[in-house]
């Protein structure tokens, strides 16, 4: 009779580890590296002051959508996996920019309807925060999104 028990145990352990994985957060494995990004937005050449939601939709479908909330001072910080209170930046790449409202209930009425625009986000040479200036143009004949204008 052959004794195969010592050989079977390592094979079973290896098979079990392969099938179950090594643990950890599955969402972490799918995350794309981000770089810190701050900036300003202008509409028709004038600094736009919020509040308003900035949405950056990636051209590369493998990358996640990035967001920023434009403050009353006209500045924003981008976040992808973080929050507006704790922004974590954006993956590098080409994005289509949309200025608008927030489905989560943030009131951003009075935001101008703008032409489609795109931006490129790349790593800064020194590893510091990327400074981004987004220039938007209001659509001809388009007014504001529904509601009162927070920027009289």
C-alpha atoms as a PDB file:
ATOM      1  CA  UNK A   1       0.000   0.000   0.000  1.00  0.00           C
ATOM      2  CA  UNK A   2       1.339   3.470  -0.981  1.00  0.00           C
ATOM      3  CA  UNK A   3       1.399   6.269   1.512  1.00  0.00           C
ATOM      4  CA  UNK A   4       0.417   9.575  -0.197  1.00  0.00           C
ATOM      5  CA  UNK A   5      -0.764  11.660   2.734  1.00  0.00           C
ATOM      6  CA  UNK A   6       2.364  13.939   3.016  1.00  0.00           C
ATOM      7  CA  UNK A   7       2.081  14.803  -0.683  1.00  0.00           C
ATOM      8  CA  UNK A   8      -1.701  15.339  -0.559  1.00  0.00           C
ATOM      9  CA  UNK A   9      -1.609  17.934   2.242  1.00  0.00           C
ATOM     10  CA  UNK A  10       0.551  20.517   0.379  1.00  0.00           C
ATOM     11  CA  UNK A  11      -1.524  20.009  -2.767  1.00  0.00           C
ATOM     12  CA  UNK A  12      -4.781  20.504  -0.842  1.00  0.00           C
ATOM     13  CA  UNK A  13      -3.435  23.629   0.879  1.00  0.00           C
ATOM     14  CA  UNK A  14      -2.267  25.091  -2.448  1.00  0.00           C
ATOM     15  CA  UNK A  15      -5.579  24.280  -4.137  1.00  0.00           C
ATOM     16  CA  UNK A  16      -7.575  25.738  -1.249  1.00  0.00           C
ATOM     17  CA  UNK A  17      -5.488  28.955  -1.218  1.00  0.00           C
ATOM     18  CA  UNK A  18      -5.919  29.321  -4.969  1.00  0.00           C
ATOM     19  CA  UNK A  19      -9.674  28.863  -4.844  1.00  0.00           C
ATOM     20  CA  UNK A  20     -10.239  31.085  -1.800  1.00  0.00           C
ATOM     21  CA  UNK A  21      -7.709  33.803  -2.585  1.00  0.00           C
ATOM     22  CA  UNK A  22      -5.382  35.459  -0.163  1.00  0.00           C
ATOM     23  CA  UNK A  23      -7.969  37.677   1.472  1.00  0.00           C
ATOM     24  CA  UNK A  24      -7.989  41.455   1.495  1.00  0.00           C
ATOM     25  CA  UNK A  25     -10.468  43.953   0.132  1.00  0.00           C
ATOM     26  CA  UNK A  26     -11.630  43.149  -3.401  1.00  0.00           C
ATOM     27  CA  UNK A  27     -12.307  46.849  -4.093  1.00  0.00           C
ATOM     28  CA  UNK A  28      -8.695  47.707  -3.242  1.00  0.00           C
ATOM     29  CA  UNK A  29      -7.426  45.356  -5.965  1.00  0.00           C
ATOM     30  CA  UNK A  30      -9.511  47.145  -8.615  1.00  0.00           C
ATOM     31  CA  UNK A  31      -8.468  50.674  -7.669  1.00  0.00           C
ATOM     32  CA  UNK A  32      -6.411  52.732 -10.079  1.00  0.00           C
ATOM     33  CA  UNK A  33      -3.617  54.886  -8.625  1.00  0.00           C
ATOM     34  CA  UNK A  34      -4.608  58.536  -8.191  1.00  0.00           C
ATOM     35  CA  UNK A  35      -2.682  61.814  -8.116  1.00  0.00           C
ATOM     36  CA  UNK A  36      -3.796  64.805  -6.013  1.00  0.00           C
ATOM     37  CA  UNK A  37      -5.552  67.452  -8.159  1.00  0.00           C
ATOM     38  CA  UNK A  38      -6.793  70.930  -7.209  1.00  0.00           C
ATOM     39  CA  UNK A  39      -7.883  73.777  -9.403  1.00  0.00           C
ATOM     40  CA  UNK A  40     -10.307  76.391 -10.597  1.00  0.00           C
ATOM     41  CA  UNK A  41     -13.089  76.558 -13.166  1.00  0.00           C
ATOM     42  CA  UNK A  42     -13.945  79.446 -15.448  1.00  0.00           C
ATOM     43  CA  UNK A  43     -17.050  79.850 -17.607  1.00  0.00           C
ATOM     44  CA  UNK A  44     -16.816  82.312 -20.505  1.00  0.00           C
ATOM     45  CA  UNK A  45     -13.515  83.578 -19.098  1.00  0.00           C
ATOM     46  CA  UNK A  46     -14.837  84.377 -15.606  1.00  0.00           C
ATOM     47  CA  UNK A  47     -14.084  82.400 -12.450  1.00  0.00           C
ATOM     48  CA  UNK A  48     -17.063  80.216 -11.634  1.00  0.00           C
ATOM     49  CA  UNK A  49     -18.024  80.059  -7.978  1.00  0.00           C
ATOM     50  CA  UNK A  50     -20.071  77.187  -6.653  1.00  0.00           C
ATOM     51  CA  UNK A  51     -21.489  75.255  -5.258  1.00  0.00           C
ATOM     52  CA  UNK A  52     -21.537  72.945  -8.250  1.00  0.00           C
ATOM     53  CA  UNK A  53     -20.482  69.425  -9.073  1.00  0.00           C
ATOM     54  CA  UNK A  54     -17.660  68.828 -11.505  1.00  0.00           C
ATOM     55  CA  UNK A  55     -17.756  65.394 -13.154  1.00  0.00           C
ATOM     56  CA  UNK A  56     -14.783  64.063 -15.088  1.00  0.00           C
ATOM     57  CA  UNK A  57     -15.759  61.075 -17.214  1.00  0.00           C
ATOM     58  CA  UNK A  58     -12.745  59.065 -18.402  1.00  0.00           C
ATOM     59  CA  UNK A  59     -12.126  58.484 -22.099  1.00  0.00           C
ATOM     60  CA  UNK A  60     -10.537  55.159 -21.075  1.00  0.00           C
ATOM     61  CA  UNK A  61     -13.464  52.980 -19.944  1.00  0.00           C
ATOM     62  CA  UNK A  62     -11.113  51.042 -17.640  1.00  0.00           C
ATOM     63  CA  UNK A  63     -10.724  54.078 -15.384  1.00  0.00           C
ATOM     64  CA  UNK A  64     -13.282  55.344 -12.844  1.00  0.00           C
ATOM     65  CA  UNK A  65     -15.226  58.606 -12.969  1.00  0.00           C
ATOM     66  CA  UNK A  66     -13.744  61.418 -10.896  1.00  0.00           C
ATOM     67  CA  UNK A  67     -15.616  64.224  -9.109  1.00  0.00           C
ATOM     68  CA  UNK A  68     -14.967  67.627  -7.608  1.00  0.00           C
ATOM     69  CA  UNK A  69     -17.185  70.076  -5.765  1.00  0.00           C
ATOM     70  CA  UNK A  70     -16.626  73.683  -6.758  1.00  0.00           C
ATOM     71  CA  UNK A  71     -16.742  75.828  -3.639  1.00  0.00           C
ATOM     72  CA  UNK A  72     -17.993  79.371  -3.092  1.00  0.00           C
ATOM     73  CA  UNK A  73     -14.413  80.551  -3.630  1.00  0.00           C
ATOM     74  CA  UNK A  74     -14.271  78.894  -7.059  1.00  0.00           C
ATOM     75  CA  UNK A  75     -11.806  76.130  -6.153  1.00  0.00           C
ATOM     76  CA  UNK A  76     -12.109  72.351  -6.207  1.00  0.00           C
ATOM     77  CA  UNK A  77     -10.224  69.205  -5.217  1.00  0.00           C
ATOM     78  CA  UNK A  78     -10.867  66.018  -7.188  1.00  0.00           C
ATOM     79  CA  UNK A  79     -11.861  62.741  -5.580  1.00  0.00           C
ATOM     80  CA  UNK A  80     -12.316  59.265  -7.037  1.00  0.00           C
ATOM     81  CA  UNK A  81     -12.510  56.824  -4.131  1.00  0.00           C
ATOM     82  CA  UNK A  82     -12.479  59.426  -1.359  1.00  0.00           C
ATOM     83  CA  UNK A  83     -15.030  62.097  -0.495  1.00  0.00           C
ATOM     84  CA  UNK A  84     -15.273  65.824  -1.004  1.00  0.00           C
ATOM     85  CA  UNK A  85     -14.215  66.219   2.639  1.00  0.00           C
ATOM     86  CA  UNK A  86     -11.249  63.858   2.161  1.00  0.00           C
ATOM     87  CA  UNK A  87     -10.313  64.045  -1.550  1.00  0.00           C
ATOM     88  CA  UNK A  88      -7.903  61.460  -2.916  1.00  0.00           C
ATOM     89  CA  UNK A  89      -7.289  62.858  -6.404  1.00  0.00           C
ATOM     90  CA  UNK A  90      -7.794  61.389  -9.857  1.00  0.00           C
ATOM     91  CA  UNK A  91      -6.202  58.731 -12.038  1.00  0.00           C
ATOM     92  CA  UNK A  92      -4.114  60.192 -14.852  1.00  0.00           C
ATOM     93  CA  UNK A  93      -5.629  60.317 -18.327  1.00  0.00           C
ATOM     94  CA  UNK A  94      -8.019  62.129 -20.633  1.00  0.00           C
ATOM     95  CA  UNK A  95     -11.437  63.186 -19.290  1.00  0.00           C
ATOM     96  CA  UNK A  96     -14.633  64.806 -20.532  1.00  0.00           C
ATOM     97  CA  UNK A  97     -15.747  67.535 -18.126  1.00  0.00           C
ATOM     98  CA  UNK A  98     -19.353  68.169 -17.101  1.00  0.00           C
ATOM     99  CA  UNK A  99     -20.547  70.936 -14.823  1.00  0.00           C
ATOM    100  CA  UNK A 100     -23.872  70.206 -13.202  1.00  0.00           C
ATOM    101  CA  UNK A 101     -25.994  68.854 -10.462  1.00  0.00           C
ATOM    102  CA  UNK A 102     -25.544  66.079  -7.973  1.00  0.00           C
ATOM    103  CA  UNK A 103     -27.862  63.040  -7.776  1.00  0.00           C
ATOM    104  CA  UNK A 104     -27.015  62.713  -4.079  1.00  0.00           C
ATOM    105  CA  UNK A 105     -29.149  65.721  -3.225  1.00  0.00           C
ATOM    106  CA  UNK A 106     -26.617  68.542  -3.225  1.00  0.00           C
ATOM    107  CA  UNK A 107     -28.494  71.617  -4.396  1.00  0.00           C
ATOM    108  CA  UNK A 108     -26.673  73.064  -7.382  1.00  0.00           C
ATOM    109  CA  UNK A 109     -29.352  74.913  -9.250  1.00  0.00           C
ATOM    110  CA  UNK A 110     -28.406  77.852 -11.416  1.00  0.00           C
ATOM    111  CA  UNK A 111     -25.367  76.169 -12.926  1.00  0.00           C
ATOM    112  CA  UNK A 112     -24.769  77.249 -16.545  1.00  0.00           C
ATOM    113  CA  UNK A 113     -25.207  74.698 -19.320  1.00  0.00           C
ATOM    114  CA  UNK A 114     -21.759  74.444 -20.913  1.00  0.00           C
ATOM    115  CA  UNK A 115     -20.214  73.048 -24.068  1.00  0.00           C
ATOM    116  CA  UNK A 116     -18.437  69.713 -23.814  1.00  0.00           C
ATOM    117  CA  UNK A 117     -14.829  70.115 -22.749  1.00  0.00           C
ATOM    118  CA  UNK A 118     -11.932  67.776 -22.093  1.00  0.00           C
ATOM    119  CA  UNK A 119      -8.851  67.838 -19.891  1.00  0.00           C
ATOM    120  CA  UNK A 120      -5.701  65.785 -19.530  1.00  0.00           C
ATOM    121  CA  UNK A 121      -4.523  64.874 -16.031  1.00  0.00           C
ATOM    122  CA  UNK A 122      -0.907  63.792 -15.717  1.00  0.00           C
ATOM    123  CA  UNK A 123       1.481  63.220 -12.842  1.00  0.00           C
ATOM    124  CA  UNK A 124       3.392  66.352 -11.837  1.00  0.00           C
ATOM    125  CA  UNK A 125       7.158  66.155 -12.320  1.00  0.00           C
ATOM    126  CA  UNK A 126       7.852  66.753  -8.639  1.00  0.00           C
ATOM    127  CA  UNK A 127       5.034  64.571  -7.282  1.00  0.00           C
ATOM    128  CA  UNK A 128       3.160  67.563  -5.858  1.00  0.00           C
ATOM    129  CA  UNK A 129      -0.519  68.331  -6.286  1.00  0.00           C
ATOM    130  CA  UNK A 130      -1.529  68.858  -9.910  1.00  0.00           C
ATOM    131  CA  UNK A 131      -2.951  72.362 -10.478  1.00  0.00           C
ATOM    132  CA  UNK A 132      -5.730  72.253 -13.066  1.00  0.00           C
ATOM    133  CA  UNK A 133      -7.545  75.166 -14.700  1.00  0.00           C
ATOM    134  CA  UNK A 134     -10.734  74.074 -16.440  1.00  0.00           C
ATOM    135  CA  UNK A 135     -12.094  76.522 -19.005  1.00  0.00           C
ATOM    136  CA  UNK A 136     -15.721  76.049 -20.018  1.00  0.00           C
ATOM    137  CA  UNK A 137     -17.938  77.937 -22.470  1.00  0.00           C
ATOM    138  CA  UNK A 138     -21.663  78.362 -21.913  1.00  0.00           C
ATOM    139  CA  UNK A 139     -23.761  76.883 -24.726  1.00  0.00           C
ATOM    140  CA  UNK A 140     -25.166  79.543 -27.054  1.00  0.00           C
ATOM    141  CA  UNK A 141     -28.802  80.191 -26.272  1.00  0.00           C
ATOM    142  CA  UNK A 142     -28.639  77.999 -23.176  1.00  0.00           C
ATOM    143  CA  UNK A 143     -29.525  79.431 -19.823  1.00  0.00           C
ATOM    144  CA  UNK A 144     -29.005  78.053 -16.394  1.00  0.00           C
ATOM    145  CA  UNK A 145     -30.043  74.687 -15.065  1.00  0.00           C
ATOM    146  CA  UNK A 146     -33.389  74.798 -13.232  1.00  0.00           C
ATOM    147  CA  UNK A 147     -33.587  76.937 -10.144  1.00  0.00           C
ATOM    148  CA  UNK A 148     -32.269  80.230  -8.794  1.00  0.00           C
ATOM    149  CA  UNK A 149     -28.773  81.362  -9.706  1.00  0.00           C
ATOM    150  CA  UNK A 150     -26.378  81.100  -6.760  1.00  0.00           C
ATOM    151  CA  UNK A 151     -24.002  83.401  -8.686  1.00  0.00           C
ATOM    152  CA  UNK A 152     -25.916  86.673  -9.230  1.00  0.00           C
END
